[in-house]
Every structure is written in C-alpha cells, then in structure tokens.
Amino acid sequence: LKPEDTAVYYCNARDGATSWGQGTQVTVS
C-alpha cells in the first residue's frame, strides 16, 4: 500500500440495477 491509496473504498454490485455500500476508510500513512 502507498499513501496515494488513501481513500474511502466502496463496494459495488451490478445486476441490471446498481447497488453501493456505505464505504470503508483506508488510510496509508
């Protein structure tokens, strides 16, 4: 992991409709 990977990471599902999770924070420091 690199500092530039720091972000909120979201899961996504596509089956016709698109769904998103609430996100999880990843901090590289």
PDB file of all heavy atoms in Angstrom:
ATOM      1  N   LEU A   1       0.821  -1.207   0.000  1.00  0.00           N
ATOM      2  CA  LEU A   1       0.000   0.000   0.000  1.00  0.00           C
ATOM      3  C   LEU A   1       0.858   1.261   0.000  1.00  0.00           C
ATOM      4  O   LEU A   1       1.946   1.308   0.594  1.00  0.00           O
ATOM      5  CB  LEU A   1      -0.940  -0.007   1.200  1.00  0.00           C
ATOM      6  CG  LEU A   1      -2.159  -0.925   1.028  1.00  0.00           C
ATOM      7  CD1 LEU A   1      -2.783  -1.273   2.368  1.00  0.00           C
ATOM      8  CD2 LEU A   1      -3.182  -0.260   0.112  1.00  0.00           C
ATOM      9  N   LYS A   2       0.331   2.279  -0.684  1.00  0.00           N
ATOM     10  CA  LYS A   2       1.010   3.558  -0.821  1.00  0.00           C
ATOM     11  C   LYS A   2       0.127   4.665  -0.244  1.00  0.00           C
ATOM     12  O   LYS A   2      -1.096   4.516  -0.182  1.00  0.00           O
ATOM     13  CB  LYS A   2       1.252   3.853  -2.303  1.00  0.00           C
ATOM     14  CG  LYS A   2       2.020   2.781  -3.047  1.00  0.00           C
ATOM     15  CD  LYS A   2       2.109   3.108  -4.525  1.00  0.00           C
ATOM     16  CE  LYS A   2       2.861   2.036  -5.295  1.00  0.00           C
ATOM     17  NZ  LYS A   2       2.948   2.354  -6.753  1.00  0.00           N
ATOM     18  N   PRO A   3       0.715   5.778   0.144  1.00  0.00           N
ATOM     19  CA  PRO A   3      -0.111   6.880   0.653  1.00  0.00           C
ATOM     20  C   PRO A   3      -1.206   7.305  -0.325  1.00  0.00           C
ATOM     21  O   PRO A   3      -2.308   7.681   0.102  1.00  0.00           O
ATOM     22  CB  PRO A   3       0.906   7.997   0.866  1.00  0.00           C
ATOM     23  CG  PRO A   3       2.177   7.283   1.177  1.00  0.00           C
ATOM     24  CD  PRO A   3       2.152   6.052   0.301  1.00  0.00           C
ATOM     25  N   GLU A   4      -0.936   7.205  -1.612  1.00  0.00           N
ATOM     26  CA  GLU A   4      -1.937   7.595  -2.595  1.00  0.00           C
ATOM     27  C   GLU A   4      -3.102   6.618  -2.699  1.00  0.00           C
ATOM     28  O   GLU A   4      -4.074   6.881  -3.417  1.00  0.00           O
ATOM     29  CB  GLU A   4      -1.305   7.790  -3.983  1.00  0.00           C
ATOM     30  CG  GLU A   4      -0.455   6.644  -4.460  1.00  0.00           C
ATOM     31  CD  GLU A   4       1.031   6.866  -4.187  1.00  0.00           C
ATOM     32  OE1 GLU A   4       1.374   7.322  -3.062  1.00  0.00           O
ATOM     33  OE2 GLU A   4       1.842   6.561  -5.083  1.00  0.00           O
ATOM     34  N   ASP A   5      -3.024   5.501  -1.999  1.00  0.00           N
ATOM     35  CA  ASP A   5      -4.171   4.579  -1.926  1.00  0.00           C
ATOM     36  C   ASP A   5      -5.180   5.019  -0.874  1.00  0.00           C
ATOM     37  O   ASP A   5      -6.249   4.423  -0.745  1.00  0.00           O
ATOM     38  CB  ASP A   5      -3.697   3.159  -1.605  1.00  0.00           C
ATOM     39  CG  ASP A   5      -2.847   2.559  -2.702  1.00  0.00           C
ATOM     40  OD1 ASP A   5      -3.205   2.720  -3.885  1.00  0.00           O
ATOM     41  OD2 ASP A   5      -1.828   1.908  -2.367  1.00  0.00           O
ATOM     42  N   THR A   6      -4.843   6.031  -0.104  1.00  0.00           N
ATOM     43  CA  THR A   6      -5.747   6.536   0.926  1.00  0.00           C
ATOM     44  C   THR A   6      -7.039   7.031   0.295  1.00  0.00           C
ATOM     45  O   THR A   6      -7.021   7.864  -0.614  1.00  0.00           O
ATOM     46  CB  THR A   6      -5.083   7.675   1.714  1.00  0.00           C
ATOM     47  OG1 THR A   6      -3.957   7.153   2.418  1.00  0.00           O
ATOM     48  CG2 THR A   6      -6.059   8.309   2.689  1.00  0.00           C
ATOM     49  N   ALA A   7      -8.164   6.496   0.767  1.00  0.00           N
ATOM     50  CA  ALA A   7      -9.475   6.837   0.201  1.00  0.00           C
ATOM     51  C   ALA A   7     -10.554   6.102   0.976  1.00  0.00           C
ATOM     52  O   ALA A   7     -10.255   5.215   1.788  1.00  0.00           O
ATOM     53  CB  ALA A   7      -9.544   6.447  -1.270  1.00  0.00           C
ATOM     54  N   VAL A   8     -11.786   6.471   0.700  1.00  0.00           N
ATOM     55  CA  VAL A   8     -12.915   5.648   1.121  1.00  0.00           C
ATOM     56  C   VAL A   8     -13.172   4.641   0.005  1.00  0.00           C
ATOM     57  O   VAL A   8     -13.298   5.022  -1.166  1.00  0.00           O
ATOM     58  CB  VAL A   8     -14.173   6.489   1.381  1.00  0.00           C
ATOM     59  CG1 VAL A   8     -15.345   5.594   1.765  1.00  0.00           C
ATOM     60  CG2 VAL A   8     -13.910   7.521   2.467  1.00  0.00           C
ATOM     61  N   TYR A   9     -13.217   3.370   0.379  1.00  0.00           N
ATOM     62  CA  TYR A   9     -13.404   2.294  -0.585  1.00  0.00           C
ATOM     63  C   TYR A   9     -14.854   1.822  -0.530  1.00  0.00           C
ATOM     64  O   TYR A   9     -15.379   1.527   0.552  1.00  0.00           O
ATOM     65  CB  TYR A   9     -12.450   1.149  -0.290  1.00  0.00           C
ATOM     66  CG  TYR A   9     -11.038   1.444  -0.739  1.00  0.00           C
ATOM     67  CD1 TYR A   9     -10.264   2.398  -0.092  1.00  0.00           C
ATOM     68  CD2 TYR A   9     -10.480   0.791  -1.842  1.00  0.00           C
ATOM     69  CE1 TYR A   9      -8.976   2.699  -0.515  1.00  0.00           C
ATOM     70  CE2 TYR A   9      -9.191   1.078  -2.273  1.00  0.00           C
ATOM     71  CZ  TYR A   9      -8.451   2.039  -1.604  1.00  0.00           C
ATOM     72  OH  TYR A   9      -7.173   2.323  -2.036  1.00  0.00           O
ATOM     73  N   TYR A  10     -15.457   1.730  -1.712  1.00  0.00           N
ATOM     74  CA  TYR A  10     -16.861   1.359  -1.831  1.00  0.00           C
ATOM     75  C   TYR A  10     -17.006   0.067  -2.611  1.00  0.00           C
ATOM     76  O   TYR A  10     -16.352  -0.128  -3.647  1.00  0.00           O
ATOM     77  CB  TYR A  10     -17.646   2.444  -2.558  1.00  0.00           C
ATOM     78  CG  TYR A  10     -17.708   3.767  -1.856  1.00  0.00           C
ATOM     79  CD1 TYR A  10     -16.756   4.744  -2.094  1.00  0.00           C
ATOM     80  CD2 TYR A  10     -18.727   4.041  -0.944  1.00  0.00           C
ATOM     81  CE1 TYR A  10     -16.810   5.968  -1.444  1.00  0.00           C
ATOM     82  CE2 TYR A  10     -18.793   5.269  -0.298  1.00  0.00           C
ATOM     83  CZ  TYR A  10     -17.825   6.225  -0.550  1.00  0.00           C
ATOM     84  OH  TYR A  10     -17.895   7.439   0.090  1.00  0.00           O
ATOM     85  N   CYS A  11     -17.892  -0.766  -2.142  1.00  0.00           N
ATOM     86  CA  CYS A  11     -18.273  -1.985  -2.841  1.00  0.00           C
ATOM     87  C   CYS A  11     -19.437  -1.669  -3.769  1.00  0.00           C
ATOM     88  O   CYS A  11     -20.314  -0.858  -3.448  1.00  0.00           O
ATOM     89  CB  CYS A  11     -18.679  -3.028  -1.804  1.00  0.00           C
ATOM     90  SG  CYS A  11     -19.148  -4.624  -2.469  1.00  0.00           S
ATOM     91  N   ASN A  12     -19.467  -2.339  -4.908  1.00  0.00           N
ATOM     92  CA  ASN A  12     -20.475  -2.080  -5.935  1.00  0.00           C
ATOM     93  C   ASN A  12     -20.960  -3.405  -6.507  1.00  0.00           C
ATOM     94  O   ASN A  12     -20.162  -4.330  -6.712  1.00  0.00           O
ATOM     95  CB  ASN A  12     -19.844  -1.219  -7.031  1.00  0.00           C
ATOM     96  CG  ASN A  12     -20.693  -1.088  -8.269  1.00  0.00           C
ATOM     97  OD1 ASN A  12     -20.637  -1.946  -9.155  1.00  0.00           O
ATOM     98  ND2 ASN A  12     -21.468  -0.035  -8.345  1.00  0.00           N
ATOM     99  N   ALA A  13     -22.266  -3.488  -6.734  1.00  0.00           N
ATOM    100  CA  ALA A  13     -22.849  -4.673  -7.368  1.00  0.00           C
ATOM    101  C   ALA A  13     -23.707  -4.243  -8.549  1.00  0.00           C
ATOM    102  O   ALA A  13     -24.470  -3.279  -8.444  1.00  0.00           O
ATOM    103  CB  ALA A  13     -23.710  -5.447  -6.369  1.00  0.00           C
ATOM    104  N   ARG A  14     -23.562  -4.947  -9.664  1.00  0.00           N
ATOM    105  CA  ARG A  14     -24.347  -4.630 -10.855  1.00  0.00           C
ATOM    106  C   ARG A  14     -25.051  -5.879 -11.358  1.00  0.00           C
ATOM    107  O   ARG A  14     -24.410  -6.884 -11.688  1.00  0.00           O
ATOM    108  CB  ARG A  14     -23.460  -4.054 -11.953  1.00  0.00           C
ATOM    109  CG  ARG A  14     -23.023  -2.630 -11.718  1.00  0.00           C
ATOM    110  CD  ARG A  14     -22.259  -2.098 -12.915  1.00  0.00           C
ATOM    111  NE  ARG A  14     -20.918  -2.650 -12.980  1.00  0.00           N
ATOM    112  CZ  ARG A  14     -20.321  -3.039 -14.101  1.00  0.00           C
ATOM    113  NH1 ARG A  14     -20.947  -2.961 -15.261  1.00  0.00           N
ATOM    114  NH2 ARG A  14     -19.095  -3.508 -14.081  1.00  0.00           N
ATOM    115  N   ASP A  15     -26.397  -5.824 -11.378  1.00  0.00           N
ATOM    116  CA  ASP A  15     -27.214  -6.898 -11.944  1.00  0.00           C
ATOM    117  C   ASP A  15     -28.459  -6.227 -12.495  1.00  0.00           C
ATOM    118  O   ASP A  15     -29.537  -6.320 -11.944  1.00  0.00           O
ATOM    119  CB  ASP A  15     -27.574  -7.917 -10.862  1.00  0.00           C
ATOM    120  CG  ASP A  15     -28.505  -8.981 -11.396  1.00  0.00           C
ATOM    121  OD1 ASP A  15     -28.248  -9.484 -12.499  1.00  0.00           O
ATOM    122  OD2 ASP A  15     -29.503  -9.287 -10.719  1.00  0.00           O
ATOM    123  N   GLY A  16     -28.288  -5.496 -13.568  1.00  0.00           N
ATOM    124  CA  GLY A  16     -29.370  -4.627 -14.025  1.00  0.00           C
ATOM    125  C   GLY A  16     -29.299  -3.342 -13.216  1.00  0.00           C
ATOM    126  O   GLY A  16     -28.796  -2.332 -13.661  1.00  0.00           O
ATOM    127  N   ALA A  17     -29.768  -3.400 -11.993  1.00  0.00           N
ATOM    128  CA  ALA A  17     -29.629  -2.265 -11.074  1.00  0.00           C
ATOM    129  C   ALA A  17     -28.213  -2.216 -10.507  1.00  0.00           C
ATOM    130  O   ALA A  17     -27.480  -3.209 -10.551  1.00  0.00           O
ATOM    131  CB  ALA A  17     -30.642  -2.395  -9.938  1.00  0.00           C
ATOM    132  N   THR A  18     -27.841  -1.050  -9.987  1.00  0.00           N
ATOM    133  CA  THR A  18     -26.530  -0.855  -9.362  1.00  0.00           C
ATOM    134  C   THR A  18     -26.718  -0.551  -7.889  1.00  0.00           C
ATOM    135  O   THR A  18     -27.555   0.280  -7.526  1.00  0.00           O
ATOM    136  CB  THR A  18     -25.785   0.298 -10.030  1.00  0.00           C
ATOM    137  OG1 THR A  18     -25.558  -0.037 -11.404  1.00  0.00           O
ATOM    138  CG2 THR A  18     -24.444   0.529  -9.357  1.00  0.00           C
ATOM    139  N   SER A  19     -25.955  -1.222  -7.048  1.00  0.00           N
ATOM    140  CA  SER A  19     -26.016  -1.013  -5.610  1.00  0.00           C
ATOM    141  C   SER A  19     -24.641  -0.622  -5.086  1.00  0.00           C
ATOM    142  O   SER A  19     -23.622  -1.089  -5.606  1.00  0.00           O
ATOM    143  CB  SER A  19     -26.484  -2.287  -4.901  1.00  0.00           C
ATOM    144  OG  SER A  19     -27.749  -2.706  -5.375  1.00  0.00           O
ATOM    145  N   TRP A  20     -24.633   0.207  -4.030  1.00  0.00           N
ATOM    146  CA  TRP A  20     -23.390   0.652  -3.397  1.00  0.00           C
ATOM    147  C   TRP A  20     -23.442   0.386  -1.910  1.00  0.00           C
ATOM    148  O   TRP A  20     -24.498   0.473  -1.279  1.00  0.00           O
ATOM    149  CB  TRP A  20     -23.192   2.152  -3.605  1.00  0.00           C
ATOM    150  CG  TRP A  20     -22.936   2.563  -5.009  1.00  0.00           C
ATOM    151  CD1 TRP A  20     -23.862   2.970  -5.934  1.00  0.00           C
ATOM    152  CD2 TRP A  20     -21.663   2.606  -5.668  1.00  0.00           C
ATOM    153  NE1 TRP A  20     -23.236   3.263  -7.123  1.00  0.00           N
ATOM    154  CE2 TRP A  20     -21.883   3.051  -6.984  1.00  0.00           C
ATOM    155  CE3 TRP A  20     -20.349   2.317  -5.274  1.00  0.00           C
ATOM    156  CZ2 TRP A  20     -20.845   3.204  -7.909  1.00  0.00           C
ATOM    157  CZ3 TRP A  20     -19.325   2.468  -6.192  1.00  0.00           C
ATOM    158  CH2 TRP A  20     -19.568   2.911  -7.491  1.00  0.00           C
ATOM    159  N   GLY A  21     -22.272   0.077  -1.337  1.00  0.00           N
ATOM    160  CA  GLY A  21     -22.147   0.018   0.097  1.00  0.00           C
ATOM    161  C   GLY A  21     -21.918   1.406   0.665  1.00  0.00           C
ATOM    162  O   GLY A  21     -21.849   2.403  -0.060  1.00  0.00           O
ATOM    163  N   GLN A  22     -21.743   1.448   2.011  1.00  0.00           N
ATOM    164  CA  GLN A  22     -21.595   2.744   2.680  1.00  0.00           C
ATOM    165  C   GLN A  22     -20.147   3.226   2.668  1.00  0.00           C
ATOM    166  O   GLN A  22     -19.875   4.380   2.982  1.00  0.00           O
ATOM    167  CB  GLN A  22     -22.110   2.642   4.125  1.00  0.00           C
ATOM    168  CG  GLN A  22     -21.120   2.054   5.124  1.00  0.00           C
ATOM    169  CD  GLN A  22     -20.907   0.564   4.965  1.00  0.00           C
ATOM    170  OE1 GLN A  22     -21.614  -0.117   4.227  1.00  0.00           O
ATOM    171  NE2 GLN A  22     -19.900   0.034   5.666  1.00  0.00           N
ATOM    172  N   GLY A  23     -19.221   2.347   2.337  1.00  0.00           N
ATOM    173  CA  GLY A  23     -17.814   2.710   2.259  1.00  0.00           C
ATOM    174  C   GLY A  23     -17.044   2.383   3.522  1.00  0.00           C
ATOM    175  O   GLY A  23     -17.605   2.329   4.620  1.00  0.00           O
ATOM    176  N   THR A  24     -15.751   2.157   3.346  1.00  0.00           N
ATOM    177  CA  THR A  24     -14.850   1.925   4.472  1.00  0.00           C
ATOM    178  C   THR A  24     -13.567   2.705   4.216  1.00  0.00           C
ATOM    179  O   THR A  24     -13.035   2.714   3.109  1.00  0.00           O
ATOM    180  CB  THR A  24     -14.567   0.417   4.664  1.00  0.00           C
ATOM    181  OG1 THR A  24     -13.794   0.221   5.848  1.00  0.00           O
ATOM    182  CG2 THR A  24     -13.850  -0.203   3.479  1.00  0.00           C
ATOM    183  N   GLN A  25     -13.083   3.374   5.263  1.00  0.00           N
ATOM    184  CA  GLN A  25     -11.921   4.256   5.118  1.00  0.00           C
ATOM    185  C   GLN A  25     -10.632   3.445   5.154  1.00  0.00           C
ATOM    186  O   GLN A  25     -10.432   2.613   6.050  1.00  0.00           O
ATOM    187  CB  GLN A  25     -11.900   5.290   6.247  1.00  0.00           C
ATOM    188  CG  GLN A  25     -10.687   6.204   6.244  1.00  0.00           C
ATOM    189  CD  GLN A  25     -10.690   7.186   5.093  1.00  0.00           C
ATOM    190  OE1 GLN A  25     -11.702   7.832   4.815  1.00  0.00           O
ATOM    191  NE2 GLN A  25      -9.550   7.325   4.417  1.00  0.00           N
ATOM    192  N   VAL A  26      -9.766   3.719   4.203  1.00  0.00           N
ATOM    193  CA  VAL A  26      -8.407   3.172   4.195  1.00  0.00           C
ATOM    194  C   VAL A  26      -7.437   4.345   4.225  1.00  0.00           C
ATOM    195  O   VAL A  26      -7.501   5.233   3.369  1.00  0.00           O
ATOM    196  CB  VAL A  26      -8.158   2.304   2.944  1.00  0.00           C
ATOM    197  CG1 VAL A  26      -6.684   1.920   2.842  1.00  0.00           C
ATOM    198  CG2 VAL A  26      -9.046   1.064   2.971  1.00  0.00           C
ATOM    199  N   THR A  27      -6.571   4.347   5.234  1.00  0.00           N
ATOM    200  CA  THR A  27      -5.582   5.405   5.364  1.00  0.00           C
ATOM    201  C   THR A  27      -4.193   4.779   5.392  1.00  0.00           C
ATOM    202  O   THR A  27      -3.922   3.905   6.229  1.00  0.00           O
ATOM    203  CB  THR A  27      -5.805   6.224   6.631  1.00  0.00           C
ATOM    204  OG1 THR A  27      -7.126   6.785   6.617  1.00  0.00           O
ATOM    205  CG2 THR A  27      -4.788   7.352   6.743  1.00  0.00           C
ATOM    206  N   VAL A  28      -3.346   5.215   4.468  1.00  0.00           N
ATOM    207  CA  VAL A  28      -1.982   4.714   4.390  1.00  0.00           C
ATOM    208  C   VAL A  28      -1.051   5.854   4.782  1.00  0.00           C
ATOM    209  O   VAL A  28      -0.907   6.840   4.056  1.00  0.00           O
ATOM    210  CB  VAL A  28      -1.645   4.197   2.986  1.00  0.00           C
ATOM    211  CG1 VAL A  28      -0.241   3.578   2.979  1.00  0.00           C
ATOM    212  CG2 VAL A  28      -2.687   3.198   2.523  1.00  0.00           C
ATOM    213  N   SER A  29      -0.444   5.718   5.939  1.00  0.00           N
ATOM    214  CA  SER A  29       0.371   6.809   6.466  1.00  0.00           C
ATOM    215  C   SER A  29       1.345   6.264   7.492  1.00  0.00           C
ATOM    216  O   SER A  29       1.049   5.303   8.210  1.00  0.00           O
ATOM    217  CB  SER A  29      -0.525   7.863   7.114  1.00  0.00           C
ATOM    218  OG  SER A  29       0.252   8.876   7.742  1.00  0.00           O
TER     219      SER A  29
END
